[in-house]
Amino acid sequence: MNLKQWWTRLRSRSMREVMRHKHKFVVMDTNTFKEKFSFELTGSHLFVALGIAVIVLVALTTVLIAFTPLRELIPGYTNARATQLTYDNAQRVDSLEARLEQQEWMLRTMRAVLSGEDLGREADSLRSDTLATLPAVAKAYRRSKEDSLLRLEVEREDSRYQVKSAASPATETTPAIMHLFFAPLKGKVLKPYSPSEKHYGVDITGAVSQPIHAAYSGTVVSASFTADAGYVVSIQHPGNVISVYRNLGTLLKRQGDAVRAAEPLGYVGNAGLREQGPYLHFELWVNGSPVNPTEYISF
């Protein structure tokens, strides 16, 4: 009986007969015609088996769509993780923008101090939203009473051991600084202090990863990275003295950190003149004017 005859015979029967009629499914070897596997099903059993298969298929499809990344391929479904990452990135961008504005304000203030300009004119040029944050910044860097007393005691102790010479009084080119500076890096002076060449410091030879130390205790007022000078750190010391460290390869301090004399600030880098090897560019500024560091520090 072929399939067409079987279908014609099946249609001629009633539904009751179809449901009760048994069908045998056989799997046999085509060479020997030996039966390998067989089972019998009535019409009702076949209908139930097909229904269960459909239900299982629908359930499996629902699970795949609801609990796997396949749902992202269906229009209308959103990726919850991507949404959360977008929100987190937006918050980071806002925080970085606020940090950048604060850094710009500090750098402009540093330029005004180092060049001797009026800070009032510099402050007037800042954006209004940046000026609104100045009270919070001033509060963050305000010294406590205990800190001021400790600084005063340290300055008095340093002044007791300061070597003074009556034969060589302080001149205009050598301002009197009551500090015993610590050499930030021991090495050979590659390029000396030369204001005529706009070289307001000295370049000291060093080795990569060699530590750079603070010349004196103070507060970090600037810590940033530049493409031509690597990491740059500026420290405000008592007596309106500022020390600047350029060409650092690694930075250990951040803006606002309090440092002590000889405390490590970072490590020697090689971002500047690469033909002369790793070095440190060091500057000293007193009352907004550069001075020769070799007159106060033995490198």
Protein backbone atom coordinates (compact mmCIF):
# COMPACT_ATOMS: atom_id res chain seq x y z
CA MET A 1 0.00 0.00 0.00
CA ASN A 2 1.45 3.28 -1.03
CA LEU A 3 1.03 6.60 0.76
CA LYS A 4 -1.79 7.79 -1.49
CA GLN A 5 -3.83 4.66 -0.90
CA TRP A 6 -3.19 4.87 2.82
CA TRP A 7 -4.37 8.45 2.92
CA THR A 8 -7.51 7.65 0.90
CA ARG A 9 -8.32 4.77 3.20
CA LEU A 10 -7.70 6.94 6.26
CA ARG A 11 -10.08 9.65 5.04
CA SER A 12 -12.82 7.09 4.49
CA ARG A 13 -12.77 6.13 8.16
CA SER A 14 -14.47 7.95 10.99
CA MET A 15 -12.53 9.96 13.57
CA ARG A 16 -13.19 7.32 16.21
CA GLU A 17 -11.74 4.58 14.06
CA VAL A 18 -8.74 6.74 13.20
CA MET A 19 -8.00 7.40 16.88
CA ARG A 20 -8.27 3.70 17.78
CA HIS A 21 -6.51 2.28 14.75
CA LYS A 22 -2.96 1.16 15.48
CA HIS A 23 0.00 2.16 13.32
CA LYS A 24 3.30 0.36 13.39
CA PHE A 25 6.54 2.23 12.69
CA VAL A 26 9.43 -0.03 11.68
CA VAL A 27 13.14 0.69 11.16
CA MET A 28 14.88 -2.04 9.13
CA ASP A 29 18.12 -2.74 7.34
CA THR A 30 17.79 -2.04 3.62
CA ASN A 31 20.19 -4.85 2.70
CA THR A 32 18.81 -7.70 4.77
CA PHE A 33 15.37 -6.22 5.49
CA LYS A 34 15.97 -7.22 9.10
CA GLU A 35 13.88 -5.28 11.57
CA LYS A 36 16.02 -3.06 13.81
CA PHE A 37 13.41 -1.17 15.73
CA SER A 38 9.64 -0.85 15.76
CA PHE A 39 6.84 0.59 17.84
CA GLU A 40 3.09 0.89 17.59
CA LEU A 41 0.97 3.98 18.09
CA THR A 42 -2.72 4.59 17.89
CA GLY A 43 -4.06 7.78 16.40
CA SER A 44 -4.73 9.25 19.85
CA HIS A 45 -1.17 8.46 21.00
CA LEU A 46 0.25 10.05 17.88
CA PHE A 47 -1.87 13.16 18.43
CA VAL A 48 -0.70 13.41 22.06
CA ALA A 49 2.96 12.93 21.07
CA LEU A 50 2.72 15.69 18.43
CA GLY A 51 1.06 18.01 20.96
CA ILE A 52 3.77 17.41 23.54
CA ALA A 53 6.46 18.03 20.90
CA VAL A 54 4.86 21.35 19.96
CA ILE A 55 4.60 22.41 23.62
CA VAL A 56 8.25 21.49 24.25
CA LEU A 57 9.34 23.40 21.15
CA VAL A 58 7.40 26.52 22.20
CA ALA A 59 8.78 26.32 25.76
CA LEU A 60 12.35 25.88 24.50
CA THR A 61 11.99 28.86 22.15
CA THR A 62 10.62 31.01 24.99
CA VAL A 63 13.52 30.08 27.29
CA LEU A 64 16.10 30.85 24.60
CA ILE A 65 14.57 34.27 23.95
CA ALA A 66 14.07 35.20 27.61
CA PHE A 67 17.34 34.01 29.17
CA THR A 68 19.97 34.09 26.41
CA PRO A 69 21.58 36.89 24.35
CA LEU A 70 19.46 35.79 21.38
CA ARG A 71 16.73 38.16 22.57
CA GLU A 72 18.95 41.10 21.59
CA LEU A 73 18.42 40.10 17.96
CA ILE A 74 14.68 40.69 18.28
CA PRO A 75 13.63 44.34 17.63
CA GLY A 76 12.32 46.04 20.76
CA TYR A 77 14.50 44.22 23.29
CA THR A 78 17.27 46.27 24.99
CA ASN A 79 20.52 45.09 26.53
CA ALA A 80 20.34 45.87 30.25
CA ARG A 81 24.12 45.58 30.67
CA ALA A 82 24.78 47.96 27.78
CA THR A 83 22.31 50.44 29.25
CA GLN A 84 24.05 50.28 32.64
CA LEU A 85 27.48 50.71 31.02
CA THR A 86 26.21 53.74 29.09
CA TYR A 87 24.92 55.30 32.32
CA ASP A 88 28.19 54.59 34.14
CA ASN A 89 30.25 56.04 31.28
CA ALA A 90 28.12 59.19 31.27
CA GLN A 91 28.81 59.64 34.99
CA ARG A 92 32.55 59.12 34.44
CA VAL A 93 32.57 61.69 31.63
CA ASP A 94 30.84 64.25 33.86
CA SER A 95 33.35 63.57 36.64
CA LEU A 96 36.29 63.87 34.24
CA GLU A 97 34.95 67.16 32.88
CA ALA A 98 34.71 68.58 36.39
CA ARG A 99 38.22 67.31 37.17
CA LEU A 100 39.55 68.81 33.94
CA GLU A 101 38.07 72.21 34.74
CA GLN A 102 39.68 72.09 38.17
CA GLN A 103 43.04 71.13 36.62
CA GLU A 104 42.77 73.98 34.12
CA TRP A 105 42.10 76.43 36.94
CA MET A 106 45.12 75.17 38.88
CA LEU A 107 47.38 75.35 35.82
CA ARG A 108 46.28 78.90 35.02
CA THR A 109 46.86 79.91 38.59
CA MET A 110 50.31 78.30 38.53
CA ARG A 111 51.20 80.17 35.31
CA ALA A 112 50.09 83.42 36.90
CA VAL A 113 52.18 82.74 40.01
CA LEU A 114 55.28 81.69 38.05
CA SER A 115 55.06 84.67 35.67
CA GLY A 116 54.27 87.17 38.42
CA GLU A 117 50.93 88.19 36.92
CA ASP A 118 48.00 89.55 38.87
CA LEU A 119 45.83 86.70 40.06
CA GLY A 120 42.78 88.91 39.92
CA ARG A 121 42.99 89.25 36.15
CA GLU A 122 43.56 85.52 35.81
CA ALA A 123 40.55 84.76 38.00
CA ASP A 124 38.35 87.10 35.91
CA SER A 125 39.18 85.09 32.79
CA LEU A 126 37.88 81.83 34.27
CA ARG A 127 34.46 80.49 33.42
CA SER A 128 31.62 81.29 35.78
CA ASP A 129 30.87 77.63 36.50
CA THR A 130 34.53 77.06 37.43
CA LEU A 131 34.51 80.05 39.75
CA ALA A 132 31.55 78.55 41.53
CA THR A 133 33.77 75.65 42.61
CA LEU A 134 36.55 77.85 44.03
CA PRO A 135 35.18 77.90 47.62
CA ALA A 136 35.10 74.09 47.64
CA VAL A 137 38.65 73.91 46.26
CA ALA A 138 39.90 76.43 48.81
CA LYS A 139 38.24 74.47 51.59
CA ALA A 140 39.89 71.25 50.39
CA TYR A 141 43.38 72.80 50.54
CA ARG A 142 42.91 74.82 53.72
CA ARG A 143 45.52 74.01 56.34
CA SER A 144 44.45 72.88 59.75
CA LYS A 145 45.68 74.49 62.95
CA GLU A 146 47.82 71.44 63.82
CA ASP A 147 49.38 71.46 60.35
CA SER A 148 50.28 75.15 60.60
CA LEU A 149 51.90 74.63 64.02
CA LEU A 150 53.89 71.65 62.72
CA ARG A 151 55.10 73.61 59.70
CA LEU A 152 56.16 76.52 61.94
CA GLU A 153 58.08 74.15 64.23
CA VAL A 154 59.85 72.49 61.29
CA GLU A 155 60.84 75.88 59.83
CA ARG A 156 62.26 76.96 63.18
CA GLU A 157 64.27 73.74 63.47
CA ASP A 158 65.60 74.20 59.93
CA SER A 159 66.63 77.79 60.64
CA ARG A 160 68.76 76.64 63.59
CA TYR A 161 70.98 74.59 61.31
CA GLN A 162 71.04 77.02 58.36
CA VAL A 163 74.59 78.02 57.46
CA LYS A 164 74.91 81.81 57.23
CA SER A 165 77.87 83.71 55.95
CA ALA A 166 78.49 87.41 56.58
CA ALA A 167 81.01 87.54 53.74
CA SER A 168 78.41 86.59 51.13
CA PRO A 169 75.16 88.40 51.94
CA ALA A 170 72.00 87.69 49.93
CA THR A 171 71.78 89.60 46.69
CA GLU A 172 69.02 90.22 44.21
CA THR A 173 70.17 87.29 42.05
CA THR A 174 70.33 84.96 45.07
CA PRO A 175 67.21 85.41 47.23
CA ALA A 176 67.52 84.36 50.86
CA ILE A 177 65.68 81.05 51.37
CA MET A 178 65.61 79.66 54.89
CA HIS A 179 65.36 76.04 53.75
CA LEU A 180 67.78 73.14 53.62
CA PHE A 181 66.83 71.58 50.31
CA PHE A 182 67.23 67.91 49.56
CA ALA A 183 68.66 66.98 46.16
CA PRO A 184 65.74 65.54 44.14
CA LEU A 185 68.19 63.47 42.08
CA LYS A 186 71.93 62.85 42.38
CA GLY A 187 73.64 63.09 39.03
CA LYS A 188 75.52 65.22 36.52
CA VAL A 189 74.12 68.55 35.35
CA LEU A 190 73.46 68.11 31.63
CA LYS A 191 72.12 71.60 30.96
CA PRO A 192 72.61 74.46 33.43
CA TYR A 193 70.23 77.22 34.42
CA SER A 194 70.00 79.79 31.59
CA PRO A 195 67.21 82.40 31.69
CA SER A 196 68.46 83.94 28.43
CA GLU A 197 67.60 80.66 26.67
CA LYS A 198 64.33 80.41 28.60
CA HIS A 199 65.74 77.42 30.43
CA TYR A 200 64.60 78.19 33.98
CA GLY A 201 66.01 75.09 35.63
CA VAL A 202 68.67 72.41 35.40
CA ASP A 203 68.67 69.01 33.70
CA ILE A 204 70.09 66.21 35.87
CA THR A 205 71.14 62.84 34.47
CA GLY A 206 69.51 59.74 35.87
CA ALA A 207 68.45 56.20 35.12
CA VAL A 208 65.00 55.00 34.16
CA SER A 209 62.98 54.03 37.24
CA GLN A 210 65.39 55.93 39.53
CA PRO A 211 63.33 57.64 42.26
CA ILE A 212 62.89 61.42 42.35
CA HIS A 213 62.53 63.02 45.79
CA ALA A 214 60.84 66.16 47.04
CA ALA A 215 63.34 68.97 47.60
CA TYR A 216 61.45 70.17 50.67
CA SER A 217 58.18 69.62 52.50
CA GLY A 218 55.06 71.22 51.04
CA THR A 219 51.83 70.62 49.15
CA VAL A 220 51.45 69.31 45.61
CA VAL A 221 49.64 72.05 43.68
CA SER A 222 49.93 70.45 40.25
CA ALA A 223 50.41 66.88 39.02
CA SER A 224 49.69 66.29 35.34
CA PHE A 225 50.97 64.65 32.16
CA THR A 226 52.23 66.41 29.04
CA ALA A 227 53.34 64.91 25.74
CA ASP A 228 56.66 66.80 25.62
CA ALA A 229 57.65 66.74 29.30
CA GLY A 230 56.09 63.53 30.67
CA TYR A 231 54.64 63.82 34.15
CA VAL A 232 55.11 67.24 35.76
CA VAL A 233 54.83 67.91 39.51
CA SER A 234 54.82 71.31 41.23
CA ILE A 235 55.13 71.68 45.01
CA GLN A 236 54.34 74.79 47.05
CA HIS A 237 56.83 75.26 49.92
CA PRO A 238 56.79 77.74 52.82
CA GLY A 239 58.17 81.19 52.06
CA ASN A 240 56.46 81.46 48.65
CA VAL A 241 58.85 78.91 47.13
CA ILE A 242 57.78 76.52 44.38
CA SER A 243 59.74 73.54 43.06
CA VAL A 244 58.93 72.02 39.67
CA TYR A 245 59.88 68.49 38.55
CA ARG A 246 59.56 67.60 34.85
CA ASN A 247 60.13 64.50 32.73
CA LEU A 248 58.89 61.97 35.29
CA GLY A 249 58.11 58.55 33.86
CA THR A 250 55.86 57.48 36.74
CA LEU A 251 53.86 59.57 39.20
CA LEU A 252 53.36 58.67 42.88
CA LYS A 253 51.58 61.81 44.11
CA ARG A 254 48.39 63.59 43.24
CA GLN A 255 47.25 67.19 43.43
CA GLY A 256 46.58 68.22 47.02
CA ASP A 257 48.88 65.63 48.62
CA ALA A 258 51.14 66.82 51.45
CA VAL A 259 54.76 65.72 51.03
CA ARG A 260 57.85 65.81 53.21
CA ALA A 261 61.42 66.53 52.28
CA ALA A 262 63.09 63.59 50.47
CA GLU A 263 59.76 61.81 50.00
CA PRO A 264 59.56 60.02 46.60
CA LEU A 265 57.42 61.78 43.99
CA GLY A 266 57.94 59.41 41.06
CA TYR A 267 60.61 57.92 38.83
CA VAL A 268 62.87 59.27 36.12
CA GLY A 269 61.42 59.21 32.61
CA ASN A 270 62.65 59.86 29.10
CA ALA A 271 59.86 61.89 27.49
CA GLY A 272 61.93 64.99 26.69
CA LEU A 273 65.15 65.13 24.68
CA ARG A 274 65.59 61.43 24.05
CA GLU A 275 69.08 61.84 22.58
CA GLN A 276 70.47 62.83 25.97
CA GLY A 277 68.93 59.88 27.76
CA PRO A 278 66.83 59.78 30.94
CA TYR A 279 67.00 62.96 33.00
CA LEU A 280 65.15 65.22 35.42
CA HIS A 281 64.35 68.86 34.71
CA PHE A 282 64.20 70.70 38.05
CA GLU A 283 63.17 74.33 38.68
CA LEU A 284 63.01 76.59 41.73
CA TRP A 285 60.77 79.67 41.84
CA VAL A 286 60.85 82.31 44.59
CA ASN A 287 58.17 84.99 44.78
CA GLY A 288 57.15 84.22 41.20
CA SER A 289 60.68 84.44 39.74
CA PRO A 290 63.01 81.58 38.75
CA VAL A 291 66.33 81.09 40.59
CA ASN A 292 69.37 78.93 39.91
CA PRO A 293 68.82 75.62 41.76
CA THR A 294 72.59 74.92 41.93
CA GLU A 295 73.00 77.86 44.31
CA TYR A 296 70.83 76.12 46.89
CA ILE A 297 71.23 72.41 46.15
CA SER A 298 74.28 70.22 45.58
CA PHE A 299 73.46 67.72 42.85
